[in-house]
PDB file of N, CA and C in Angstrom:
ATOM      1  N   MET A   1      52.525 258.346 172.416  1.00  0.00           N
ATOM      2  CA  MET A   1      51.405 259.051 171.724  1.00  0.00           C
ATOM      3  C   MET A   1      50.261 259.447 172.889  1.00  0.00           C
ATOM      4  N   ALA A   2      49.711 260.587 172.621  1.00  0.00           N
ATOM      5  CA  ALA A   2      48.835 261.128 173.689  1.00  0.00           C
ATOM      6  C   ALA A   2      47.480 260.883 173.086  1.00  0.00           C
ATOM      7  N   ARG A   3      46.429 260.707 173.976  1.00  0.00           N
ATOM      8  CA  ARG A   3      45.016 260.777 173.533  1.00  0.00           C
ATOM      9  C   ARG A   3      44.433 262.109 174.029  1.00  0.00           C
ATOM     10  N   ILE A   4      43.830 262.824 173.062  1.00  0.00           N
ATOM     11  CA  ILE A   4      43.224 264.017 173.436  1.00  0.00           C
ATOM     12  C   ILE A   4      41.719 264.052 172.962  1.00  0.00           C
ATOM     13  N   THR A   5      41.037 264.927 173.537  1.00  0.00           N
ATOM     14  CA  THR A   5      39.592 264.955 173.199  1.00  0.00           C
ATOM     15  C   THR A   5      39.362 266.116 172.403  1.00  0.00           C
ATOM     16  N   VAL A   6      38.671 265.927 171.223  1.00  0.00           N
ATOM     17  CA  VAL A   6      38.250 267.059 170.273  1.00  0.00           C
ATOM     18  C   VAL A   6      36.922 267.384 170.272  1.00  0.00           C
ATOM     19  N   GLU A   7      36.354 268.455 169.870  1.00  0.00           N
ATOM     20  CA  GLU A   7      34.994 268.767 169.737  1.00  0.00           C
ATOM     21  C   GLU A   7      34.657 269.279 168.492  1.00  0.00           C
ATOM     22  N   CYS A   8      33.472 268.864 167.705  1.00  0.00           N
ATOM     23  CA  CYS A   8      33.151 269.206 166.545  1.00  0.00           C
ATOM     24  C   CYS A   8      32.631 270.676 166.628  1.00  0.00           C
ATOM     25  N   LEU A   9      33.204 271.450 165.671  1.00  0.00           N
ATOM     26  CA  LEU A   9      32.837 272.888 165.747  1.00  0.00           C
ATOM     27  C   LEU A   9      31.294 273.146 165.201  1.00  0.00           C
ATOM     28  N   ALA A  10      30.658 272.044 164.511  1.00  0.00           N
ATOM     29  CA  ALA A  10      29.450 272.202 164.047  1.00  0.00           C
ATOM     30  C   ALA A  10      28.324 271.880 165.031  1.00  0.00           C
ATOM     31  N   CYS A  11      28.455 270.645 165.558  1.00  0.00           N
ATOM     32  CA  CYS A  11      27.430 270.075 166.414  1.00  0.00           C
ATOM     33  C   CYS A  11      27.876 269.788 167.924  1.00  0.00           C
ATOM     34  N   GLY A  12      29.158 269.999 168.214  1.00  0.00           N
ATOM     35  CA  GLY A  12      29.582 269.794 169.534  1.00  0.00           C
ATOM     36  C   GLY A  12      29.882 268.447 170.109  1.00  0.00           C
ATOM     37  N   ALA A  13      29.816 267.532 168.951  1.00  0.00           N
ATOM     38  CA  ALA A  13      30.166 266.014 169.270  1.00  0.00           C
ATOM     39  C   ALA A  13      31.584 265.935 169.810  1.00  0.00           C
ATOM     40  N   ASN A  14      31.849 265.137 170.795  1.00  0.00           N
ATOM     41  CA  ASN A  14      33.135 264.855 171.282  1.00  0.00           C
ATOM     42  C   ASN A  14      33.806 263.581 170.718  1.00  0.00           C
ATOM     43  N   ARG A  15      35.123 263.597 170.511  1.00  0.00           N
ATOM     44  CA  ARG A  15      35.771 262.312 170.025  1.00  0.00           C
ATOM     45  C   ARG A  15      37.080 262.389 170.586  1.00  0.00           C
ATOM     46  N   SER A  16      37.470 261.166 171.023  1.00  0.00           N
ATOM     47  CA  SER A  16      38.966 261.000 171.507  1.00  0.00           C
ATOM     48  C   SER A  16      39.784 260.315 170.384  1.00  0.00           C
ATOM     49  N   VAL A  17      41.019 261.107 170.169  1.00  0.00           N
ATOM     50  CA  VAL A  17      41.831 260.655 169.103  1.00  0.00           C
ATOM     51  C   VAL A  17      43.206 260.568 169.696  1.00  0.00           C
ATOM     52  N   VAL A  18      44.113 259.894 169.017  1.00  0.00           N
ATOM     53  CA  VAL A  18      45.423 259.610 169.321  1.00  0.00           C
ATOM     54  C   VAL A  18      46.282 260.675 168.515  1.00  0.00           C
ATOM     55  N   GLN A  19      47.192 261.422 169.151  1.00  0.00           N
ATOM     56  CA  GLN A  19      48.237 262.349 168.440  1.00  0.00           C
ATOM     57  C   GLN A  19      49.501 261.938 168.808  1.00  0.00           C
ATOM     58  N   ALA A  20      50.263 261.488 167.636  1.00  0.00           N
ATOM     59  CA  ALA A  20      51.771 261.164 167.856  1.00  0.00           C
ATOM     60  C   ALA A  20      52.474 262.411 167.984  1.00  0.00           C
ATOM     61  N   GLU A  21      53.684 262.455 168.706  1.00  0.00           N
ATOM     62  CA  GLU A  21      54.312 263.633 168.648  1.00  0.00           C
ATOM     63  C   GLU A  21      54.874 264.158 167.456  1.00  0.00           C
ATOM     64  N   ARG A  22      54.657 265.587 167.373  1.00  0.00           N
ATOM     65  CA  ARG A  22      54.963 266.305 166.047  1.00  0.00           C
ATOM     66  C   ARG A  22      54.087 265.862 164.855  1.00  0.00           C
ATOM     67  N   GLN A  23      53.009 265.248 165.042  1.00  0.00           N
ATOM     68  CA  GLN A  23      52.095 264.873 164.048  1.00  0.00           C
ATOM     69  C   GLN A  23      50.926 265.729 164.004  1.00  0.00           C
ATOM     70  N   ARG A  24      50.494 266.102 162.811  1.00  0.00           N
ATOM     71  CA  ARG A  24      49.285 266.951 162.662  1.00  0.00           C
ATOM     72  C   ARG A  24      48.042 266.143 163.066  1.00  0.00           C
ATOM     73  N   LEU A  25      47.252 266.576 163.856  1.00  0.00           N
ATOM     74  CA  LEU A  25      46.012 266.026 164.195  1.00  0.00           C
ATOM     75  C   LEU A  25      44.974 266.231 163.198  1.00  0.00           C
ATOM     76  N   GLU A  26      44.467 264.922 162.736  1.00  0.00           N
ATOM     77  CA  GLU A  26      43.341 265.022 161.688  1.00  0.00           C
ATOM     78  C   GLU A  26      42.401 263.860 162.237  1.00  0.00           C
ATOM     79  N   PRO A  27      41.448 264.265 162.907  1.00  0.00           N
ATOM     80  CA  PRO A  27      40.344 263.398 163.316  1.00  0.00           C
ATOM     81  C   PRO A  27      39.299 262.954 162.287  1.00  0.00           C
ATOM     82  N   GLY A  28      39.401 263.660 161.203  1.00  0.00           N
ATOM     83  CA  GLY A  28      38.477 263.351 160.126  1.00  0.00           C
ATOM     84  C   GLY A  28      36.893 263.778 160.076  1.00  0.00           C
ATOM     85  N   GLU A  29      36.065 263.255 159.657  1.00  0.00           N
ATOM     86  CA  GLU A  29      34.746 263.564 159.650  1.00  0.00           C
ATOM     87  C   GLU A  29      33.894 263.262 160.941  1.00  0.00           C
ATOM     88  N   CYS A  30      33.142 264.096 161.289  1.00  0.00           N
ATOM     89  CA  CYS A  30      32.357 263.931 162.528  1.00  0.00           C
ATOM     90  C   CYS A  30      31.333 262.799 162.179  1.00  0.00           C
ATOM     91  N   PRO A  31      31.151 261.909 163.046  1.00  0.00           N
ATOM     92  CA  PRO A  31      30.187 260.753 162.809  1.00  0.00           C
ATOM     93  C   PRO A  31      28.785 261.209 162.927  1.00  0.00           C
ATOM     94  N   ARG A  32      28.608 262.289 163.710  1.00  0.00           N
ATOM     95  CA  ARG A  32      27.220 262.772 163.982  1.00  0.00           C
ATOM     96  C   ARG A  32      26.769 263.718 162.685  1.00  0.00           C
ATOM     97  N   CYS A  33      27.457 264.738 162.421  1.00  0.00           N
ATOM     98  CA  CYS A  33      27.076 265.540 161.387  1.00  0.00           C
ATOM     99  C   CYS A  33      27.794 265.643 160.107  1.00  0.00           C
ATOM    100  N   GLY A  34      28.985 265.080 160.072  1.00  0.00           N
ATOM    101  CA  GLY A  34      29.776 265.050 158.804  1.00  0.00           C
ATOM    102  C   GLY A  34      30.799 266.140 158.713  1.00  0.00           C
ATOM    103  N   TYR A  35      30.779 267.101 159.475  1.00  0.00           N
ATOM    104  CA  TYR A  35      31.609 268.240 159.471  1.00  0.00           C
ATOM    105  C   TYR A  35      33.070 267.885 159.757  1.00  0.00           C
ATOM    106  N   VAL A  36      34.075 268.560 159.253  1.00  0.00           N
ATOM    107  CA  VAL A  36      35.412 268.104 159.480  1.00  0.00           C
ATOM    108  C   VAL A  36      36.210 269.121 160.241  1.00  0.00           C
ATOM    109  N   GLY A  37      35.602 270.227 160.916  1.00  0.00           N
ATOM    110  CA  GLY A  37      36.206 271.201 161.800  1.00  0.00           C
ATOM    111  C   GLY A  37      36.223 270.780 163.172  1.00  0.00           C
ATOM    112  N   TRP A  38      37.434 270.760 163.812  1.00  0.00           N
ATOM    113  CA  TRP A  38      37.546 270.246 165.079  1.00  0.00           C
ATOM    114  C   TRP A  38      38.343 271.208 166.017  1.00  0.00           C
ATOM    115  N   ALA A  39      38.134 271.272 167.285  1.00  0.00           N
ATOM    116  CA  ALA A  39      39.064 272.063 168.253  1.00  0.00           C
ATOM    117  C   ALA A  39      39.297 271.201 169.389  1.00  0.00           C
ATOM    118  N   ARG A  40      40.425 271.217 170.037  1.00  0.00           N
ATOM    119  CA  ARG A  40      40.675 270.545 171.345  1.00  0.00           C
ATOM    120  C   ARG A  40      39.724 270.893 172.383  1.00  0.00           C
ATOM    121  N   ARG A  41      39.004 269.953 173.084  1.00  0.00           N
ATOM    122  CA  ARG A  41      38.124 270.312 174.105  1.00  0.00           C
ATOM    123  C   ARG A  41      38.768 271.108 175.152  1.00  0.00           C
ATOM    124  N   GLY A  42      38.022 272.128 175.672  1.00  0.00           N
ATOM    125  CA  GLY A  42      38.558 273.097 176.518  1.00  0.00           C
ATOM    126  C   GLY A  42      39.138 274.436 175.921  1.00  0.00           C
ATOM    127  N   GLU A  43      39.421 274.291 174.696  1.00  0.00           N
ATOM    128  CA  GLU A  43      39.937 275.523 174.044  1.00  0.00           C
ATOM    129  C   GLU A  43      38.989 276.581 173.602  1.00  0.00           C
ATOM    130  N   LEU A  44      37.773 276.243 173.609  1.00  0.00           N
ATOM    131  CA  LEU A  44      36.660 276.973 173.166  1.00  0.00           C
ATOM    132  C   LEU A  44      35.992 277.708 174.180  1.00  0.00           C
ATOM    133  N   THR A  45      35.552 278.808 174.220  1.00  0.00           N
ATOM    134  CA  THR A  45      34.674 279.452 175.258  1.00  0.00           C
ATOM    135  C   THR A  45      33.246 279.321 174.823  1.00  0.00           C
ATOM    136  N   GLU A  46      32.227 279.401 175.570  1.00  0.00           N
ATOM    137  CA  GLU A  46      30.804 279.326 175.369  1.00  0.00           C
ATOM    138  C   GLU A  46      30.491 280.273 174.267  1.00  0.00           C
ATOM    139  N   ASN A  47      31.063 281.499 174.258  1.00  0.00           N
ATOM    140  CA  ASN A  47      30.697 282.639 173.374  1.00  0.00           C
ATOM    141  C   ASN A  47      31.257 282.283 171.895  1.00  0.00           C
ATOM    142  N   LEU A  48      32.411 281.676 171.846  1.00  0.00           N
ATOM    143  CA  LEU A  48      33.092 281.295 170.689  1.00  0.00           C
ATOM    144  C   LEU A  48      32.411 280.135 169.990  1.00  0.00           C
ATOM    145  N   ARG A  49      31.867 279.153 170.898  1.00  0.00           N
ATOM    146  CA  ARG A  49      31.070 277.998 170.411  1.00  0.00           C
ATOM    147  C   ARG A  49      29.885 278.584 169.707  1.00  0.00           C
ATOM    148  N   ARG A  50      29.175 279.432 170.463  1.00  0.00           N
ATOM    149  CA  ARG A  50      27.915 279.998 169.886  1.00  0.00           C
ATOM    150  C   ARG A  50      28.046 280.557 168.628  1.00  0.00           C
ATOM    151  N   ALA A  51      28.982 281.496 168.580  1.00  0.00           N
ATOM    152  CA  ALA A  51      29.393 282.258 167.428  1.00  0.00           C
ATOM    153  C   ALA A  51      29.815 281.410 166.224  1.00  0.00           C
ATOM    154  N   LEU A  52      30.376 280.343 166.390  1.00  0.00           N
ATOM    155  CA  LEU A  52      30.760 279.269 165.373  1.00  0.00           C
ATOM    156  C   LEU A  52      29.469 278.644 164.935  1.00  0.00           C
ATOM    157  N   ARG A  53      28.632 278.103 165.761  1.00  0.00           N
ATOM    158  CA  ARG A  53      27.488 277.325 165.429  1.00  0.00           C
ATOM    159  C   ARG A  53      26.279 278.303 164.699  1.00  0.00           C
ATOM    160  N   GLU A  54      26.331 279.601 164.889  1.00  0.00           N
ATOM    161  CA  GLU A  54      25.408 280.419 164.534  1.00  0.00           C
ATOM    162  C   GLU A  54      25.865 280.880 163.038  1.00  0.00           C
ATOM    163  N   ARG A  55      27.020 280.771 162.521  1.00  0.00           N
ATOM    164  CA  ARG A  55      27.533 281.085 161.257  1.00  0.00           C
ATOM    165  C   ARG A  55      27.404 279.866 160.418  1.00  0.00           C
ATOM    166  N   THR A  56      27.021 280.085 159.080  1.00  0.00           N
ATOM    167  CA  THR A  56      26.949 279.032 158.085  1.00  0.00           C
ATOM    168  C   THR A  56      28.341 278.493 157.962  1.00  0.00           C
ATOM    169  N   THR A  57      28.329 277.262 157.412  1.00  0.00           N
ATOM    170  CA  THR A  57      29.599 276.534 157.216  1.00  0.00           C
ATOM    171  C   THR A  57      30.461 277.426 156.239  1.00  0.00           C
ATOM    172  N   GLU A  58      29.845 277.977 155.309  1.00  0.00           N
ATOM    173  CA  GLU A  58      30.601 278.809 154.308  1.00  0.00           C
ATOM    174  C   GLU A  58      31.369 279.988 154.855  1.00  0.00           C
ATOM    175  N   ARG A  59      30.751 280.555 155.955  1.00  0.00           N
ATOM    176  CA  ARG A  59      31.225 281.696 156.621  1.00  0.00           C
ATOM    177  C   ARG A  59      32.164 281.440 157.826  1.00  0.00           C
ATOM    178  N   ARG A  60      32.360 280.052 158.065  1.00  0.00           N
ATOM    179  CA  ARG A  60      33.149 279.570 159.239  1.00  0.00           C
ATOM    180  C   ARG A  60      34.636 279.684 159.157  1.00  0.00           C
ATOM    181  N   ARG A  61      35.167 280.094 158.046  1.00  0.00           N
ATOM    182  CA  ARG A  61      36.642 280.091 157.792  1.00  0.00           C
ATOM    183  C   ARG A  61      37.331 280.846 158.886  1.00  0.00           C
ATOM    184  N   LEU A  62      38.319 280.225 159.615  1.00  0.00           N
ATOM    185  CA  LEU A  62      38.884 280.905 160.655  1.00  0.00           C
ATOM    186  C   LEU A  62      40.324 281.388 160.025  1.00  0.00           C
ATOM    187  N   ARG A  63      40.771 282.738 160.411  1.00  0.00           N
ATOM    188  CA  ARG A  63      41.953 283.212 159.829  1.00  0.00           C
ATOM    189  C   ARG A  63      43.021 283.128 160.900  1.00  0.00           C
ATOM    190  N   PRO A  64      44.126 282.710 160.551  1.00  0.00           N
ATOM    191  CA  PRO A  64      45.289 282.531 161.478  1.00  0.00           C
ATOM    192  C   PRO A  64      45.621 284.057 162.129  1.00  0.00           C
ATOM    193  N   VAL A  65      46.039 284.114 163.207  1.00  0.00           N
ATOM    194  CA  VAL A  65      46.374 285.250 163.961  1.00  0.00           C
ATOM    195  C   VAL A  65      47.884 285.592 163.769  1.00  0.00           C
TER     196      VAL A  65
END
């Protein structure tokens, strides 16, 4: 099992979570703001972080590419 750091898409809080091999990562609710959207730390650029935080949570739905 690997420990990875994830970042809340709403407030930027970091959390370390354990991910088992071939298991879906579900870090749960952010302890700081209650939001449930996360990204692996280092995957987001500053421009993307800013764009996500400026949008309302209702408009934050990301579409798969």
